[in-house]
Protein backbone atom coordinates (compact mmCIF):
# COMPACT_ATOMS: atom_id res chain seq x y z
CA MET A 1 115.79 17.00 3.71
CA ASN A 2 118.64 15.92 1.69
CA ASN A 3 117.74 16.08 -2.24
CA ASP A 4 121.16 14.68 -2.48
CA ARG A 5 119.10 11.50 -2.78
CA SER A 6 118.17 9.58 -5.56
CA ARG A 7 115.01 8.82 -6.42
CA PRO A 8 113.81 5.08 -7.07
CA SER A 9 114.60 4.41 -11.10
CA THR A 10 111.74 3.99 -13.45
CA SER A 11 113.80 3.12 -16.35
CA SER A 12 112.76 -0.76 -15.88
CA ARG A 13 109.27 -0.19 -15.09
CA GLN A 14 106.35 0.19 -17.93
CA PRO A 15 103.47 2.67 -16.84
CA THR A 16 100.86 1.00 -14.31
CA SER A 17 97.34 0.24 -13.49
CA VAL A 18 95.15 1.08 -10.46
CA SER A 19 92.31 -0.46 -9.78
CA ARG A 20 90.15 0.60 -6.67
CA GLN A 21 88.35 -2.16 -5.94
CA SER A 22 84.49 -3.36 -3.73
CA TYR A 23 84.26 -5.01 -1.38
CA GLU A 24 82.97 -7.96 -3.70
CA ASP A 25 86.14 -7.41 -6.41
CA TYR A 26 88.55 -7.44 -3.62
CA SER A 27 89.72 -11.36 -4.43
CA LYS A 28 89.69 -10.46 -8.71
CA PRO A 29 92.73 -9.46 -10.61
CA SER A 30 93.29 -6.03 -12.15
CA THR A 31 91.94 -5.65 -15.89
CA GLU A 32 94.28 -6.62 -17.92
CA ILE A 33 96.85 -3.84 -19.06
CA PRO A 34 96.85 -3.27 -22.71
CA ASN A 35 100.03 -2.74 -25.27
CA ARG A 36 102.38 -4.34 -22.98
CA ARG A 37 104.44 -6.93 -23.83
CA ARG A 38 103.94 -10.55 -22.93
CA PRO A 39 105.32 -11.19 -19.91
CA ASP A 40 107.83 -14.00 -19.70
CA VAL A 41 106.47 -14.41 -15.59
CA SER A 42 103.68 -12.84 -13.35
CA ARG A 43 104.06 -12.50 -9.94
CA LYS A 44 101.90 -11.26 -6.77
CA LEU A 45 102.64 -9.22 -4.11
CA VAL A 46 100.39 -8.22 -0.78
CA VAL A 47 101.88 -5.97 1.70
CA VAL A 48 100.43 -6.41 4.89
CA GLY A 49 101.28 -4.45 8.39
CA ASP A 50 99.58 -1.49 10.70
CA GLY A 51 97.49 1.04 9.44
CA GLY A 52 99.91 4.19 8.91
CA CYS A 53 102.82 2.46 9.22
CA GLY A 54 103.88 2.89 5.06
CA LYS A 55 102.33 0.62 2.38
CA THR A 56 101.24 2.37 0.46
CA CYS A 57 103.42 5.35 0.15
CA LEU A 58 106.36 2.57 -0.66
CA LEU A 59 103.39 0.98 -3.94
CA THR A 60 103.28 4.62 -4.30
CA VAL A 61 106.62 6.14 -4.99
CA TYR A 62 107.84 2.18 -6.32
CA ALA A 63 105.23 1.89 -9.04
CA HIS A 64 104.01 5.63 -10.17
CA ASP A 65 107.68 7.15 -8.26
CA ARG A 66 105.36 10.00 -6.54
CA PHE A 67 105.15 10.78 -2.78
CA PRO A 68 101.66 10.91 -1.76
CA VAL A 69 100.87 14.16 -0.15
CA ASN A 70 97.86 13.40 2.18
CA TYR A 71 97.19 10.37 4.25
CA VAL A 72 94.33 7.86 3.26
CA PRO A 73 93.44 5.04 4.64
CA THR A 74 93.06 2.55 2.10
CA VAL A 75 90.82 0.28 2.01
CA PHE A 76 91.17 -2.30 -1.46
CA GLU A 77 93.41 -0.77 -3.90
CA ASN A 78 96.14 -2.90 -6.26
CA PHE A 79 98.65 -1.74 -8.83
CA VAL A 80 100.01 -3.84 -11.78
CA THR A 81 103.19 -2.97 -13.16
CA GLN A 82 106.12 -4.56 -15.69
CA VAL A 83 109.60 -4.94 -14.11
CA GLN A 84 112.69 -5.72 -16.18
CA TYR A 85 114.03 -8.88 -14.03
CA GLU A 86 117.60 -10.05 -15.02
CA SER A 87 116.46 -10.74 -18.46
CA LYS A 88 112.71 -11.59 -17.97
CA VAL A 89 109.41 -9.71 -18.66
CA VAL A 90 107.76 -9.64 -14.93
CA GLU A 91 104.05 -8.43 -14.35
CA LEU A 92 104.12 -7.56 -11.30
CA ALA A 93 100.73 -7.16 -8.87
CA LEU A 94 101.23 -5.11 -6.21
CA TRP A 95 97.90 -5.57 -3.17
CA ASP A 96 97.91 -2.59 -0.76
CA THR A 97 96.01 -4.03 2.04
CA ALA A 98 94.09 -2.36 5.14
CA GLY A 99 95.79 -2.62 8.29
CA GLN A 100 92.66 -1.27 10.46
CA GLU A 101 90.77 -3.91 12.62
CA ASP A 102 87.56 -3.39 11.23
CA PHE A 103 88.70 -5.53 7.80
CA ASP A 104 90.62 -8.32 9.49
CA ARG A 105 88.19 -10.80 7.95
CA LEU A 106 87.93 -8.91 4.80
CA ARG A 107 92.17 -8.49 4.26
CA PRO A 108 92.58 -12.61 3.80
CA LEU A 109 90.03 -12.45 0.51
CA SER A 110 93.20 -10.51 -0.99
CA TYR A 111 95.92 -13.63 0.12
CA ASN A 112 94.65 -16.24 -2.88
CA ASP A 113 97.78 -16.96 -5.02
CA THR A 114 100.69 -14.78 -3.34
CA ASP A 115 103.90 -15.20 -4.55
CA VAL A 116 105.90 -12.78 -2.14
CA VAL A 117 104.73 -10.54 0.79
CA LEU A 118 106.05 -7.83 2.63
CA ILE A 119 105.42 -7.03 6.26
CA VAL A 120 105.87 -3.21 7.01
CA PHE A 121 106.14 -1.21 10.32
CA ALA A 122 107.43 2.27 11.19
CA CYS A 123 110.55 3.11 12.28
CA ASN A 124 108.94 5.60 14.37
CA HIS A 125 105.81 3.63 16.10
CA ARG A 126 107.66 0.68 18.06
CA PRO A 127 103.96 -0.77 18.17
CA SER A 128 103.93 -1.60 14.78
CA LEU A 129 107.17 -3.83 15.06
CA GLU A 130 105.36 -5.62 17.95
CA ASN A 131 102.61 -6.16 15.43
CA VAL A 132 105.13 -7.78 13.65
CA LYS A 133 105.51 -10.81 15.79
CA ASP A 134 101.30 -10.64 17.96
CA LYS A 135 99.37 -10.44 14.35
CA TRP A 136 100.88 -9.78 11.21
CA HIS A 137 103.46 -12.74 11.26
CA PRO A 138 100.92 -14.96 12.84
CA GLU A 139 98.14 -14.12 9.97
CA ILE A 140 100.40 -14.73 7.20
CA SER A 141 101.71 -18.05 8.39
CA HIS A 142 98.14 -19.16 9.13
CA PHE A 143 96.80 -17.99 5.20
CA LEU A 144 100.21 -18.75 3.31
CA GLU A 145 102.28 -21.17 4.87
CA ASN A 146 105.91 -21.37 2.93
CA THR A 147 105.23 -18.11 0.91
CA PRO A 148 108.62 -15.93 1.06
CA LEU A 149 107.56 -13.18 3.31
CA LEU A 150 110.42 -9.58 4.05
CA LEU A 151 110.06 -7.58 6.87
CA VAL A 152 110.13 -4.00 5.76
CA CYS A 153 111.19 -0.82 8.31
CA ALA A 154 109.69 1.90 6.41
CA LYS A 155 110.25 6.24 7.13
CA ILE A 156 113.94 5.81 8.09
CA ASP A 157 114.12 9.40 6.93
CA LEU A 158 113.01 9.69 10.77
CA ARG A 159 115.18 8.44 12.47
CA THR A 160 117.07 11.55 11.97
CA ASP A 161 113.99 14.41 11.41
CA PRO A 162 114.08 16.40 14.83
CA GLN A 163 110.73 17.28 14.89
CA THR A 164 110.21 13.36 15.29
CA LEU A 165 112.86 12.53 17.63
CA ALA A 166 112.02 15.27 19.97
CA LEU A 167 108.72 13.91 19.87
CA MET A 168 109.39 10.48 20.89
CA ALA A 169 111.78 11.61 23.72
CA ALA A 170 109.30 13.57 24.81
CA GLN A 171 107.43 10.02 25.19
CA GLY A 172 110.53 7.77 27.03
CA THR A 173 111.22 6.09 23.39
CA GLN A 174 113.61 6.50 20.51
CA PRO A 175 113.88 4.94 16.99
CA ILE A 176 113.97 1.54 15.99
CA SER A 177 116.87 0.47 14.76
CA ARG A 178 118.21 -1.42 11.70
CA VAL A 179 119.94 -3.62 14.71
CA GLU A 180 116.34 -4.13 16.38
CA GLY A 181 114.49 -4.79 12.95
CA GLU A 182 116.93 -7.47 11.78
CA ALA A 183 116.28 -9.25 14.88
CA VAL A 184 112.75 -9.22 14.40
CA ALA A 185 113.36 -11.00 10.32
CA ARG A 186 115.34 -13.20 11.55
CA GLU A 187 112.77 -14.54 14.31
CA ILE A 188 110.06 -14.82 12.06
CA GLY A 189 112.32 -16.23 8.96
CA GLY A 190 112.48 -13.31 6.57
CA LYS A 191 114.31 -10.85 4.82
CA TYR A 192 115.09 -8.09 5.97
CA PHE A 193 114.85 -4.23 4.52
CA GLU A 194 114.96 -0.53 5.20
CA CYS A 195 113.75 2.21 2.95
CA SER A 196 112.21 6.46 3.29
CA SER A 197 109.00 5.93 0.19
CA LYS A 198 109.64 9.92 1.42
CA THR A 199 113.41 10.06 0.29
CA GLY A 200 113.03 7.71 -2.12
CA VAL A 201 116.21 5.56 -0.07
CA GLY A 202 115.51 1.61 -0.23
CA VAL A 203 112.34 1.97 -1.83
CA LYS A 204 114.21 0.14 -5.60
CA GLN A 205 115.84 -2.38 -3.05
CA VAL A 206 112.63 -3.87 -1.25
CA PHE A 207 111.96 -4.63 -4.73
CA GLU A 208 114.65 -6.25 -6.30
CA GLY A 209 114.02 -8.28 -2.90
CA ALA A 210 111.00 -9.55 -3.23
CA LEU A 211 110.97 -10.36 -6.42
CA LYS A 212 114.35 -12.47 -6.28
CA GLU A 213 112.70 -14.34 -3.48
CA SER A 214 109.67 -14.73 -5.57
CA LEU A 215 111.30 -15.90 -9.24
CA LYS A 216 114.01 -18.28 -6.96
CA GLY A 217 114.79 -21.52 -9.88
CA LYS A 218 110.70 -20.34 -10.82
CA PHE A 219 111.73 -18.33 -14.77
CA SER A 220 110.85 -21.80 -16.85
CA PHE A 221 107.36 -21.80 -15.14
CA GLY A 222 104.72 -19.62 -17.94
CA ILE A 223 101.80 -17.66 -17.72
CA GLY A 224 98.33 -18.75 -16.48
CA SER A 225 95.39 -17.54 -18.01
CA GLY A 226 94.06 -16.05 -14.97
CA GLY A 227 95.62 -13.10 -14.86
CA SER A 228 98.39 -10.96 -12.28
CA GLY A 229 99.44 -14.68 -9.70
CA GLY A 230 97.95 -17.16 -11.98
CA GLY A 231 99.21 -20.64 -12.48
CA GLY A 232 101.93 -22.30 -14.69
CA SER A 233 102.71 -25.12 -15.94
CA GLY A 234 105.59 -27.76 -15.26
CA GLY A 235 105.52 -27.17 -11.61
CA GLY A 236 102.68 -27.82 -9.88
CA ASN A 237 101.30 -24.84 -8.55
CA GLY A 238 103.25 -22.56 -10.60
CA GLY A 239 106.29 -22.36 -8.07
CA ARG A 240 104.40 -21.21 -5.47
CA GLY A 241 104.89 -22.99 -1.29
CA LYS A 242 102.04 -24.54 0.33
CA ARG A 243 99.18 -22.42 0.78
CA LYS A 244 96.77 -23.32 4.41
CA LYS A 245 92.97 -22.93 2.80
CA GLY A 246 92.26 -20.65 6.04
CA CYS A 247 88.20 -20.55 6.71
CA VAL A 248 87.41 -16.04 5.77
CA VAL A 249 83.76 -15.75 8.38
CA LEU A 250 82.37 -12.46 6.84
């Protein structure tokens, strides 16, 4: 690994709270963080994608500036952090989701009041990109119509990892290229980003892009009283796009 690659900067972020929630609490916001400056605006970001594609590592590196060594499948978890965006303080709720089919009925409970979505795939696992078109984009389009989305290629350090390249070559395949990822992003109408949570390359840019998309023309909206992702004043639903009221059968 190239040690010259910089870690994502944490200079504009405040300490983060983490909340592990039960099934019953999954649709509720995290506990408010004490001793914080009152934010100018709050936004909710949800990350989806296949299990093991790098969603949790991406959020952990951004929120805590550390790379998880061991893989533990996510059930329900969210982070709340404050970030400086231009001249505004943004309270950003980061919602991690489970990609496994076992949680398909529960996952939509996290979509309420979402401002921006990251669809993540891994560059060393082609089915994770195929599922962007076959599963994740259709699901997001159904529950979160008109919500800004970013397509994120994770684990790009593996494009040059000899062991990964040898393994994929033995299987008759190769890492997903930027060109392939950008083509899918155009197809689903999302912005495209690439990153490596392990090296930190591109992580900060992913979330800066997400903030930019979620805050376009929306700094005039206030903070709702219900926690992260709350509605604002003077703009209907706080700047969020039209939402489909999808039914979740448990």
